[in-house]
Amino acid sequence: MHEKLTTEATNPASADLDRLSTLELVRLINSEDEKIAAAVADQAGPIAASIDVIAARLAAGGRLFYLGAGTSGRLGVLDASECPPTFSTDPSQVVGLIAGGDEALRNAIEGAEDSASLAVDELRKLGLSDRDIVVGIAASGTTPYVLGALDEARAIGAAAIGLTCNQHAPIEQHADITIAVVVGPEILAGSTRMKAGTATKMVLNMLTTGAMVRLGKTYGNLMVDLRASNEKLIGRSLRMLQQLTGLSDTDARERLEACDGELKTAIVSQRLGIDAGAARQRLADAEGRLRGALGEDD
């Protein structure tokens, strides 16, 4: 089966890879990477459909689970871990699972990806329900761990989305929606941490960012729901507060402190001339959407 997969094929452009100069090698990698964005663009339709499914289910109290092995699993864990600081999501709302567990983030766990039952057991322990979404990530589209997760999702009515870098891969038979980003053979044959990994990261960025935009987690292109957990993010919160209210730096700091560091609360409080408690209520009534709380909904 694997000889039919483009992710496992040899790339004619890199047949003399070990004979290239370092500069030639860099230029070759770069020229192959230029193909990735076009391959992602070709899948705009299923990516958008996936975003709408994810957003609808998250809005209804569901959770998003990423599952993958090796590079695919690590990228899912990475994207999931970025959601709380960027969008103030609960860590349980977007969850990344990798075959072999957390140890596999740094070390290869032999055989873990070949176990479909391992994924099923993990999802059942987490109480997967028909409100949830499972995104199975497998560059090859053949990983048993991923296929098992998608089968479990479909069996109980959770949404099942497959992400692969091969057309007509087995994963298509296990998913409700399949995103197939065909980036072609790697310059290092079979090394899907390269083009396939980059493509996967691009798609995952779209899935969570798109879903969070649909859920009202942004205002324009500003991440107003960020969690100010360090000095950099506190500074970003203050800049956004000043940008959206016209406050001076000193006044912005005072307003943010009065609102317990909650950026959206501070914006509503300042813009509407109300205290923090009333601002929080406005936001609650608008389901957390800043435009709605400010009365700007179209």
C-alpha atoms as a PDB file:
ATOM      1  CA  MET A   1       0.000   0.000   0.000  1.00  0.00           C
ATOM      2  CA  HIS A   2       2.708   2.474   0.943  1.00  0.00           C
ATOM      3  CA  GLU A   3       4.266   2.577  -2.510  1.00  0.00           C
ATOM      4  CA  LYS A   4       1.064   4.295  -3.692  1.00  0.00           C
ATOM      5  CA  LEU A   5       1.337   7.051  -1.089  1.00  0.00           C
ATOM      6  CA  THR A   6       2.949  10.266  -2.289  1.00  0.00           C
ATOM      7  CA  THR A   7       4.287  10.878   1.217  1.00  0.00           C
ATOM      8  CA  GLU A   8       6.353   7.697   0.878  1.00  0.00           C
ATOM      9  CA  ALA A   9       7.512   8.251  -2.714  1.00  0.00           C
ATOM     10  CA  THR A  10      10.980   9.416  -3.720  1.00  0.00           C
ATOM     11  CA  ASN A  11      11.359  12.952  -5.036  1.00  0.00           C
ATOM     12  CA  PRO A  12      13.253  13.191  -8.353  1.00  0.00           C
ATOM     13  CA  ALA A  13      14.310  16.747  -7.545  1.00  0.00           C
ATOM     14  CA  SER A  14      16.394  15.539  -4.610  1.00  0.00           C
ATOM     15  CA  ALA A  15      17.883  12.383  -6.139  1.00  0.00           C
ATOM     16  CA  ASP A  16      21.405  13.820  -5.606  1.00  0.00           C
ATOM     17  CA  LEU A  17      20.625  15.377  -2.221  1.00  0.00           C
ATOM     18  CA  ASP A  18      23.871  14.251  -0.616  1.00  0.00           C
ATOM     19  CA  ARG A  19      25.906  15.766  -3.456  1.00  0.00           C
ATOM     20  CA  LEU A  20      24.414  19.244  -3.228  1.00  0.00           C
ATOM     21  CA  SER A  21      26.224  22.195  -1.727  1.00  0.00           C
ATOM     22  CA  THR A  22      24.680  23.545   1.458  1.00  0.00           C
ATOM     23  CA  LEU A  23      23.285  26.553  -0.410  1.00  0.00           C
ATOM     24  CA  GLU A  24      21.798  24.304  -3.100  1.00  0.00           C
ATOM     25  CA  LEU A  25      20.245  22.141  -0.406  1.00  0.00           C
ATOM     26  CA  VAL A  26      18.653  25.160   1.273  1.00  0.00           C
ATOM     27  CA  ARG A  27      17.289  26.434  -2.034  1.00  0.00           C
ATOM     28  CA  LEU A  28      15.863  23.014  -2.869  1.00  0.00           C
ATOM     29  CA  ILE A  29      14.062  22.724   0.466  1.00  0.00           C
ATOM     30  CA  ASN A  30      12.728  26.242   0.014  1.00  0.00           C
ATOM     31  CA  SER A  31      11.505  25.559  -3.516  1.00  0.00           C
ATOM     32  CA  GLU A  32       9.662  22.458  -2.331  1.00  0.00           C
ATOM     33  CA  ASP A  33       8.161  24.396   0.601  1.00  0.00           C
ATOM     34  CA  GLU A  34       6.731  26.930  -1.848  1.00  0.00           C
ATOM     35  CA  LYS A  35       4.296  24.232  -2.985  1.00  0.00           C
ATOM     36  CA  ILE A  36       2.698  23.848   0.436  1.00  0.00           C
ATOM     37  CA  ALA A  37       0.437  26.913   0.510  1.00  0.00           C
ATOM     38  CA  ALA A  38      -1.087  26.023  -2.857  1.00  0.00           C
ATOM     39  CA  ALA A  39      -1.807  22.488  -1.654  1.00  0.00           C
ATOM     40  CA  VAL A  40      -3.530  23.874   1.444  1.00  0.00           C
ATOM     41  CA  ALA A  41      -5.514  26.347  -0.676  1.00  0.00           C
ATOM     42  CA  ASP A  42      -6.785  23.443  -2.757  1.00  0.00           C
ATOM     43  CA  GLN A  43      -8.485  22.118   0.378  1.00  0.00           C
ATOM     44  CA  ALA A  44     -10.195  25.385   1.350  1.00  0.00           C
ATOM     45  CA  GLY A  45     -13.655  23.837   1.013  1.00  0.00           C
ATOM     46  CA  PRO A  46     -13.238  20.916   3.419  1.00  0.00           C
ATOM     47  CA  ILE A  47     -11.199  23.093   5.802  1.00  0.00           C
ATOM     48  CA  ALA A  48     -14.026  25.650   5.949  1.00  0.00           C
ATOM     49  CA  ALA A  49     -16.617  22.904   6.403  1.00  0.00           C
ATOM     50  CA  SER A  50     -14.532  21.497   9.270  1.00  0.00           C
ATOM     51  CA  ILE A  51     -14.289  24.902  10.935  1.00  0.00           C
ATOM     52  CA  ASP A  52     -18.071  25.303  10.850  1.00  0.00           C
ATOM     53  CA  VAL A  53     -18.588  21.852  12.384  1.00  0.00           C
ATOM     54  CA  ILE A  54     -15.996  22.505  15.092  1.00  0.00           C
ATOM     55  CA  ALA A  55     -17.406  25.940  15.954  1.00  0.00           C
ATOM     56  CA  ALA A  56     -20.993  24.693  16.140  1.00  0.00           C
ATOM     57  CA  ARG A  57     -20.095  21.810  18.417  1.00  0.00           C
ATOM     58  CA  LEU A  58     -17.835  23.881  20.668  1.00  0.00           C
ATOM     59  CA  ALA A  59     -20.640  26.450  20.988  1.00  0.00           C
ATOM     60  CA  ALA A  60     -22.939  23.643  22.121  1.00  0.00           C
ATOM     61  CA  GLY A  61     -20.504  22.560  24.848  1.00  0.00           C
ATOM     62  CA  GLY A  62     -18.546  19.982  22.893  1.00  0.00           C
ATOM     63  CA  ARG A  63     -14.801  19.440  22.920  1.00  0.00           C
ATOM     64  CA  LEU A  64     -12.221  19.172  20.149  1.00  0.00           C
ATOM     65  CA  PHE A  65      -9.808  16.233  20.251  1.00  0.00           C
ATOM     66  CA  TYR A  66      -6.726  15.996  18.052  1.00  0.00           C
ATOM     67  CA  LEU A  67      -5.188  12.548  17.705  1.00  0.00           C
ATOM     68  CA  GLY A  68      -2.050  11.563  15.859  1.00  0.00           C
ATOM     69  CA  ALA A  69       1.215   9.657  16.073  1.00  0.00           C
ATOM     70  CA  GLY A  70       4.748  11.023  15.797  1.00  0.00           C
ATOM     71  CA  THR A  71       4.972  14.425  14.123  1.00  0.00           C
ATOM     72  CA  SER A  72       1.217  14.507  13.504  1.00  0.00           C
ATOM     73  CA  GLY A  73       0.496  13.905  17.183  1.00  0.00           C
ATOM     74  CA  ARG A  74       3.039  16.475  18.320  1.00  0.00           C
ATOM     75  CA  LEU A  75       1.533  19.134  16.060  1.00  0.00           C
ATOM     76  CA  GLY A  76      -1.934  18.407  17.413  1.00  0.00           C
ATOM     77  CA  VAL A  77      -0.706  18.744  20.992  1.00  0.00           C
ATOM     78  CA  LEU A  78       1.051  21.992  20.057  1.00  0.00           C
ATOM     79  CA  ASP A  79      -2.049  23.537  18.519  1.00  0.00           C
ATOM     80  CA  ALA A  80      -4.229  22.457  21.441  1.00  0.00           C
ATOM     81  CA  SER A  81      -1.771  23.863  23.986  1.00  0.00           C
ATOM     82  CA  GLU A  82      -1.815  27.274  22.293  1.00  0.00           C
ATOM     83  CA  CYS A  83      -5.583  27.727  22.615  1.00  0.00           C
ATOM     84  CA  PRO A  84      -5.800  28.629  26.343  1.00  0.00           C
ATOM     85  CA  PRO A  85      -3.298  31.525  26.222  1.00  0.00           C
ATOM     86  CA  THR A  86      -4.561  32.794  22.857  1.00  0.00           C
ATOM     87  CA  PHE A  87      -8.306  32.428  23.323  1.00  0.00           C
ATOM     88  CA  SER A  88      -8.779  31.885  27.082  1.00  0.00           C
ATOM     89  CA  THR A  89     -10.267  28.470  26.430  1.00  0.00           C
ATOM     90  CA  ASP A  90     -10.464  25.898  29.191  1.00  0.00           C
ATOM     91  CA  PRO A  91      -7.629  23.374  28.725  1.00  0.00           C
ATOM     92  CA  SER A  92     -10.243  20.620  28.467  1.00  0.00           C
ATOM     93  CA  GLN A  93     -11.982  22.253  25.470  1.00  0.00           C
ATOM     94  CA  VAL A  94      -9.232  21.524  22.926  1.00  0.00           C
ATOM     95  CA  VAL A  95      -7.197  18.422  23.725  1.00  0.00           C
ATOM     96  CA  GLY A  96      -4.228  16.929  21.888  1.00  0.00           C
ATOM     97  CA  LEU A  97      -3.539  13.206  22.223  1.00  0.00           C
ATOM     98  CA  ILE A  98      -0.450  11.472  20.846  1.00  0.00           C
ATOM     99  CA  ALA A  99       0.067   7.749  20.434  1.00  0.00           C
ATOM    100  CA  GLY A 100       2.260   6.616  23.303  1.00  0.00           C
ATOM    101  CA  GLY A 101       1.248   9.444  25.639  1.00  0.00           C
ATOM    102  CA  ASP A 102       3.218  12.493  26.744  1.00  0.00           C
ATOM    103  CA  GLU A 103       6.526  10.600  26.664  1.00  0.00           C
ATOM    104  CA  ALA A 104       6.056  10.350  22.895  1.00  0.00           C
ATOM    105  CA  LEU A 105       6.325  14.127  22.620  1.00  0.00           C
ATOM    106  CA  ARG A 106      10.086  13.738  23.022  1.00  0.00           C
ATOM    107  CA  ASN A 107      10.776  10.080  22.351  1.00  0.00           C
ATOM    108  CA  ALA A 108       9.538   7.629  19.743  1.00  0.00           C
ATOM    109  CA  ILE A 109       7.284   4.989  21.317  1.00  0.00           C
ATOM    110  CA  GLU A 110       7.601   1.885  19.205  1.00  0.00           C
ATOM    111  CA  GLY A 111       4.350   0.316  18.084  1.00  0.00           C
ATOM    112  CA  ALA A 112       2.026   2.873  19.686  1.00  0.00           C
ATOM    113  CA  GLU A 113       0.741   4.148  16.355  1.00  0.00           C
ATOM    114  CA  ASP A 114      -0.215   0.629  15.287  1.00  0.00           C
ATOM    115  CA  SER A 115      -2.824   0.253  18.046  1.00  0.00           C
ATOM    116  CA  ALA A 116      -6.362   1.322  17.170  1.00  0.00           C
ATOM    117  CA  SER A 117      -7.603   0.154  20.574  1.00  0.00           C
ATOM    118  CA  LEU A 118      -5.181   2.488  22.355  1.00  0.00           C
ATOM    119  CA  ALA A 119      -6.905   5.524  20.851  1.00  0.00           C
ATOM    120  CA  VAL A 120     -10.342   4.121  21.662  1.00  0.00           C
ATOM    121  CA  ASP A 121      -9.348   3.522  25.296  1.00  0.00           C
ATOM    122  CA  GLU A 122      -8.004   7.066  25.660  1.00  0.00           C
ATOM    123  CA  LEU A 123     -11.129   8.648  24.202  1.00  0.00           C
ATOM    124  CA  ARG A 124     -13.401   6.563  26.396  1.00  0.00           C
ATOM    125  CA  LYS A 125     -11.432   7.553  29.495  1.00  0.00           C
ATOM    126  CA  LEU A 126     -12.010  11.188  28.538  1.00  0.00           C
ATOM    127  CA  GLY A 127     -15.731  10.552  28.109  1.00  0.00           C
ATOM    128  CA  LEU A 128     -15.999  11.241  24.389  1.00  0.00           C
ATOM    129  CA  SER A 129     -19.622  12.086  23.597  1.00  0.00           C
ATOM    130  CA  ASP A 130     -21.803  12.827  20.612  1.00  0.00           C
ATOM    131  CA  ARG A 131     -21.259  16.560  21.192  1.00  0.00           C
ATOM    132  CA  ASP A 132     -17.512  16.335  20.546  1.00  0.00           C
ATOM    133  CA  ILE A 133     -15.236  16.504  17.498  1.00  0.00           C
ATOM    134  CA  VAL A 134     -12.334  14.191  16.730  1.00  0.00           C
ATOM    135  CA  VAL A 135      -9.698  15.340  14.245  1.00  0.00           C
ATOM    136  CA  GLY A 136      -7.510  12.416  13.272  1.00  0.00           C
ATOM    137  CA  ILE A 137      -4.144  13.561  11.898  1.00  0.00           C
ATOM    138  CA  ALA A 138      -2.134  11.137   9.764  1.00  0.00           C
ATOM    139  CA  ALA A 139       0.144  12.292   6.965  1.00  0.00           C
ATOM    140  CA  SER A 140      -0.028   8.815   5.446  1.00  0.00           C
ATOM    141  CA  GLY A 141      -3.742   8.458   6.049  1.00  0.00           C
ATOM    142  CA  THR A 142      -3.164   4.879   7.224  1.00  0.00           C
ATOM    143  CA  THR A 143      -2.225   5.112  10.929  1.00  0.00           C
ATOM    144  CA  PRO A 144      -4.298   2.570  12.918  1.00  0.00           C
ATOM    145  CA  TYR A 145      -4.242   4.753  16.058  1.00  0.00           C
ATOM    146  CA  VAL A 146      -5.901   7.557  14.088  1.00  0.00           C
ATOM    147  CA  LEU A 147      -8.329   5.354  12.182  1.00  0.00           C
ATOM    148  CA  GLY A 148      -9.440   3.749  15.444  1.00  0.00           C
ATOM    149  CA  ALA A 149     -10.123   7.164  16.951  1.00  0.00           C
ATOM    150  CA  LEU A 150     -12.226   8.223  13.963  1.00  0.00           C
ATOM    151  CA  ASP A 151     -14.193   4.964  14.031  1.00  0.00           C
ATOM    152  CA  GLU A 152     -14.937   5.467  17.731  1.00  0.00           C
ATOM    153  CA  ALA A 153     -16.081   9.031  17.040  1.00  0.00           C
ATOM    154  CA  ARG A 154     -18.482   7.940  14.326  1.00  0.00           C
ATOM    155  CA  ALA A 155     -19.789   5.051  16.403  1.00  0.00           C
ATOM    156  CA  ILE A 156     -21.033   7.378  19.138  1.00  0.00           C
ATOM    157  CA  GLY A 157     -22.069  10.314  16.945  1.00  0.00           C
ATOM    158  CA  ALA A 158     -19.102  12.639  17.464  1.00  0.00           C
ATOM    159  CA  ALA A 159     -17.897  14.511  14.378  1.00  0.00           C
ATOM    160  CA  ALA A 160     -15.008  12.727  12.653  1.00  0.00           C
ATOM    161  CA  ILE A 161     -12.555  14.808  10.606  1.00  0.00           C
ATOM    162  CA  GLY A 162      -9.532  13.299   8.897  1.00  0.00           C
ATOM    163  CA  LEU A 163      -6.394  15.268   7.996  1.00  0.00           C
ATOM    164  CA  THR A 164      -3.912  13.596   5.636  1.00  0.00           C
ATOM    165  CA  CYS A 165      -1.363  14.441   2.966  1.00  0.00           C
ATOM    166  CA  ASN A 166      -2.436  11.753   0.495  1.00  0.00           C
ATOM    167  CA  GLN A 167      -5.387  11.512  -1.846  1.00  0.00           C
ATOM    168  CA  HIS A 168      -7.668   8.496  -1.623  1.00  0.00           C
ATOM    169  CA  ALA A 169      -5.983   7.251   1.539  1.00  0.00           C
ATOM    170  CA  PRO A 170      -7.828   4.797   3.830  1.00  0.00           C
ATOM    171  CA  ILE A 171      -8.617   7.637   6.272  1.00  0.00           C
ATOM    172  CA  GLU A 172     -11.305   8.847   3.847  1.00  0.00           C
ATOM    173  CA  GLN A 173     -13.384   5.774   4.681  1.00  0.00           C
ATOM    174  CA  HIS A 174     -13.247   6.566   8.411  1.00  0.00           C
ATOM    175  CA  ALA A 175     -14.070  10.296   8.432  1.00  0.00           C
ATOM    176  CA  ASP A 176     -17.128  12.482   7.833  1.00  0.00           C
ATOM    177  CA  ILE A 177     -14.900  15.168   6.299  1.00  0.00           C
ATOM    178  CA  THR A 178     -11.442  14.538   4.882  1.00  0.00           C
ATOM    179  CA  ILE A 179      -8.837  17.255   4.380  1.00  0.00           C
ATOM    180  CA  ALA A 180      -6.229  15.884   1.963  1.00  0.00           C
ATOM    181  CA  VAL A 181      -3.341  18.315   1.527  1.00  0.00           C
ATOM    182  CA  VAL A 182      -1.199  16.696  -1.156  1.00  0.00           C
ATOM    183  CA  VAL A 183       2.240  18.293  -0.910  1.00  0.00           C
ATOM    184  CA  GLY A 184       4.050  15.603  -2.907  1.00  0.00           C
ATOM    185  CA  PRO A 185       7.119  13.524  -2.023  1.00  0.00           C
ATOM    186  CA  GLU A 186       9.497  14.896   0.593  1.00  0.00           C
ATOM    187  CA  ILE A 187      13.044  15.810  -0.423  1.00  0.00           C
ATOM    188  CA  LEU A 188      14.115  13.265   2.193  1.00  0.00           C
ATOM    189  CA  ALA A 189      11.911  10.340   1.219  1.00  0.00           C
ATOM    190  CA  GLY A 190       9.264   9.576   3.813  1.00  0.00           C
ATOM    191  CA  SER A 191      10.307  12.359   6.213  1.00  0.00           C
ATOM    192  CA  THR A 192       6.832  13.778   6.764  1.00  0.00           C
ATOM    193  CA  ARG A 193       8.069  16.157   9.448  1.00  0.00           C
ATOM    194  CA  MET A 194       8.977  18.369   6.469  1.00  0.00           C
ATOM    195  CA  LYS A 195       6.383  19.456   3.880  1.00  0.00           C
ATOM    196  CA  ALA A 196       3.627  17.300   5.338  1.00  0.00           C
ATOM    197  CA  GLY A 197       4.364  18.616   8.831  1.00  0.00           C
ATOM    198  CA  THR A 198       4.308  22.220   7.649  1.00  0.00           C
ATOM    199  CA  ALA A 199       1.033  21.649   5.809  1.00  0.00           C
ATOM    200  CA  THR A 200      -0.461  20.018   8.897  1.00  0.00           C
ATOM    201  CA  LYS A 201       0.535  22.969  11.080  1.00  0.00           C
ATOM    202  CA  MET A 202      -1.034  25.391   8.591  1.00  0.00           C
ATOM    203  CA  VAL A 203      -4.326  23.504   8.572  1.00  0.00           C
ATOM    204  CA  LEU A 204      -4.480  23.171  12.353  1.00  0.00           C
ATOM    205  CA  ASN A 205      -3.859  26.923  12.655  1.00  0.00           C
ATOM    206  CA  MET A 206      -6.883  27.459  10.407  1.00  0.00           C
ATOM    207  CA  LEU A 207      -9.131  25.022  12.263  1.00  0.00           C
ATOM    208  CA  THR A 208      -8.726  26.492  15.728  1.00  0.00           C
ATOM    209  CA  THR A 209      -8.317  30.121  14.705  1.00  0.00           C
ATOM    210  CA  GLY A 210     -11.290  29.901  12.355  1.00  0.00           C
ATOM    211  CA  ALA A 211     -13.471  28.208  14.971  1.00  0.00           C
ATOM    212  CA  MET A 212     -12.530  30.742  17.645  1.00  0.00           C
ATOM    213  CA  VAL A 213     -13.295  33.656  15.301  1.00  0.00           C
ATOM    214  CA  ARG A 214     -16.706  32.094  14.617  1.00  0.00           C
ATOM    215  CA  LEU A 215     -17.216  31.818  18.390  1.00  0.00           C
ATOM    216  CA  GLY A 216     -16.576  35.541  18.884  1.00  0.00           C
ATOM    217  CA  LYS A 217     -13.172  35.148  20.497  1.00  0.00           C
ATOM    218  CA  THR A 218     -11.757  38.020  18.442  1.00  0.00           C
ATOM    219  CA  TYR A 219     -12.664  41.631  17.704  1.00  0.00           C
ATOM    220  CA  GLY A 220     -11.592  42.431  14.179  1.00  0.00           C
ATOM    221  CA  ASN A 221      -8.152  40.840  14.041  1.00  0.00           C
ATOM    222  CA  LEU A 222      -7.397  41.406  17.719  1.00  0.00           C
ATOM    223  CA  MET A 223      -7.160  38.494  20.181  1.00  0.00           C
ATOM    224  CA  VAL A 224      -9.267  40.195  22.828  1.00  0.00           C
ATOM    225  CA  ASP A 225      -9.858  36.909  24.655  1.00  0.00           C
ATOM    226  CA  LEU A 226      -6.190  36.264  25.345  1.00  0.00           C
ATOM    227  CA  ARG A 227      -5.120  35.239  28.824  1.00  0.00           C
ATOM    228  CA  ALA A 228      -2.559  37.739  30.114  1.00  0.00           C
ATOM    229  CA  SER A 229      -0.333  35.191  31.840  1.00  0.00           C
ATOM    230  CA  ASN A 230       3.026  36.940  31.400  1.00  0.00           C
ATOM    231  CA  GLU A 231       4.495  40.393  30.891  1.00  0.00           C
ATOM    232  CA  LYS A 232       4.379  40.146  27.102  1.00  0.00           C
ATOM    233  CA  LEU A 233       0.667  39.339  27.130  1.00  0.00           C
ATOM    234  CA  ILE A 234      -0.063  42.012  29.741  1.00  0.00           C
ATOM    235  CA  GLY A 235       1.641  44.517  27.465  1.00  0.00           C
ATOM    236  CA  ARG A 236      -0.383  43.294  24.497  1.00  0.00           C
ATOM    237  CA  SER A 237      -3.595  43.636  26.512  1.00  0.00           C
ATOM    238  CA  LEU A 238      -2.723  47.198  27.425  1.00  0.00           C
ATOM    239  CA  ARG A 239      -1.946  48.111  23.809  1.00  0.00           C
ATOM    240  CA  MET A 240      -5.250  46.690  22.612  1.00  0.00           C
ATOM    241  CA  LEU A 241      -7.140  48.467  25.383  1.00  0.00           C
ATOM    242  CA  GLN A 242      -5.527  51.763  24.386  1.00  0.00           C
ATOM    243  CA  GLN A 243      -6.176  51.103  20.702  1.00  0.00           C
ATOM    244  CA  LEU A 244      -9.865  50.379  21.258  1.00  0.00           C
ATOM    245  CA  THR A 245     -10.604  53.049  23.860  1.00  0.00           C
ATOM    246  CA  GLY A 246      -8.079  55.864  23.364  1.00  0.00           C
ATOM    247  CA  LEU A 247      -6.935  55.635  26.984  1.00  0.00           C
ATOM    248  CA  SER A 248      -3.454  56.708  28.019  1.00  0.00           C
ATOM    249  CA  ASP A 249      -1.044  54.068  29.236  1.00  0.00           C
ATOM    250  CA  THR A 250      -1.599  55.021  32.873  1.00  0.00           C
ATOM    251  CA  ASP A 251      -5.391  55.071  32.566  1.00  0.00           C
ATOM    252  CA  ALA A 252      -5.385  51.791  30.637  1.00  0.00           C
ATOM    253  CA  ARG A 253      -3.405  50.097  33.406  1.00  0.00           C
ATOM    254  CA  GLU A 254      -5.840  51.391  35.999  1.00  0.00           C
ATOM    255  CA  ARG A 255      -8.861  50.233  34.008  1.00  0.00           C
ATOM    256  CA  LEU A 256      -7.371  46.784  33.378  1.00  0.00           C
ATOM    257  CA  GLU A 257      -6.529  46.380  37.067  1.00  0.00           C
ATOM    258  CA  ALA A 258     -10.041  47.467  38.046  1.00  0.00           C
ATOM    259  CA  CYS A 259     -11.358  44.706  35.779  1.00  0.00           C
ATOM    260  CA  ASP A 260      -9.045  42.052  37.256  1.00  0.00           C
ATOM    261  CA  GLY A 261      -6.969  41.905  34.079  1.00  0.00           C
ATOM    262  CA  GLU A 262      -9.964  40.930  31.913  1.00  0.00           C
ATOM    263  CA  LEU A 263      -9.393  42.749  28.639  1.00  0.00           C
ATOM    264  CA  LYS A 264     -12.910  42.445  27.210  1.00  0.00           C
ATOM    265  CA  THR A 265     -14.405  43.557  30.513  1.00  0.00           C
ATOM    266  CA  ALA A 266     -12.098  46.590  30.541  1.00  0.00           C
ATOM    267  CA  ILE A 267     -13.045  47.512  26.970  1.00  0.00           C
ATOM    268  CA  VAL A 268     -16.787  47.300  27.657  1.00  0.00           C
ATOM    269  CA  SER A 269     -16.409  49.118  30.958  1.00  0.00           C
ATOM    270  CA  GLN A 270     -14.547  52.025  29.377  1.00  0.00           C
ATOM    271  CA  ARG A 271     -16.522  52.261  26.141  1.00  0.00           C
ATOM    272  CA  LEU A 272     -19.933  52.141  27.849  1.00  0.00           C
ATOM    273  CA  GLY A 273     -18.993  53.996  31.011  1.00  0.00           C
ATOM    274  CA  ILE A 274     -20.066  51.187  33.348  1.00  0.00           C
ATOM    275  CA  ASP A 275     -18.338  49.335  36.187  1.00  0.00           C
ATOM    276  CA  ALA A 276     -16.654  45.964  35.867  1.00  0.00           C
ATOM    277  CA  GLY A 277     -19.622  44.008  37.193  1.00  0.00           C
ATOM    278  CA  ALA A 278     -22.026  45.560  34.720  1.00  0.00           C
ATOM    279  CA  ALA A 279     -19.513  45.045  31.914  1.00  0.00           C
ATOM    280  CA  ARG A 280     -19.231  41.354  32.783  1.00  0.00           C
ATOM    281  CA  GLN A 281     -23.012  41.044  32.685  1.00  0.00           C
ATOM    282  CA  ARG A 282     -23.147  42.699  29.262  1.00  0.00           C
ATOM    283  CA  LEU A 283     -20.584  40.220  28.009  1.00  0.00           C
ATOM    284  CA  ALA A 284     -22.453  37.291  29.551  1.00  0.00           C
ATOM    285  CA  ASP A 285     -25.680  38.432  27.893  1.00  0.00           C
ATOM    286  CA  ALA A 286     -23.791  38.586  24.571  1.00  0.00           C
ATOM    287  CA  GLU A 287     -22.344  35.073  25.087  1.00  0.00           C
ATOM    288  CA  GLY A 288     -18.879  36.566  25.466  1.00  0.00           C
ATOM    289  CA  ARG A 289     -18.914  38.363  22.106  1.00  0.00           C
ATOM    290  CA  LEU A 290     -17.377  41.789  22.407  1.00  0.00           C
ATOM    291  CA  ARG A 291     -19.272  43.243  19.416  1.00  0.00           C
ATOM    292  CA  GLY A 292     -22.541  42.109  20.903  1.00  0.00           C
ATOM    293  CA  ALA A 293     -21.699  43.562  24.330  1.00  0.00           C
ATOM    294  CA  LEU A 294     -20.848  46.885  22.676  1.00  0.00           C
ATOM    295  CA  GLY A 295     -24.065  46.846  20.635  1.00  0.00           C
ATOM    296  CA  GLU A 296     -22.170  46.564  17.341  1.00  0.00           C
ATOM    297  CA  ASP A 297     -23.717  43.363  16.007  1.00  0.00           C
ATOM    298  CA  ASP A 298     -24.789  43.690  12.379  1.00  0.00           C
END
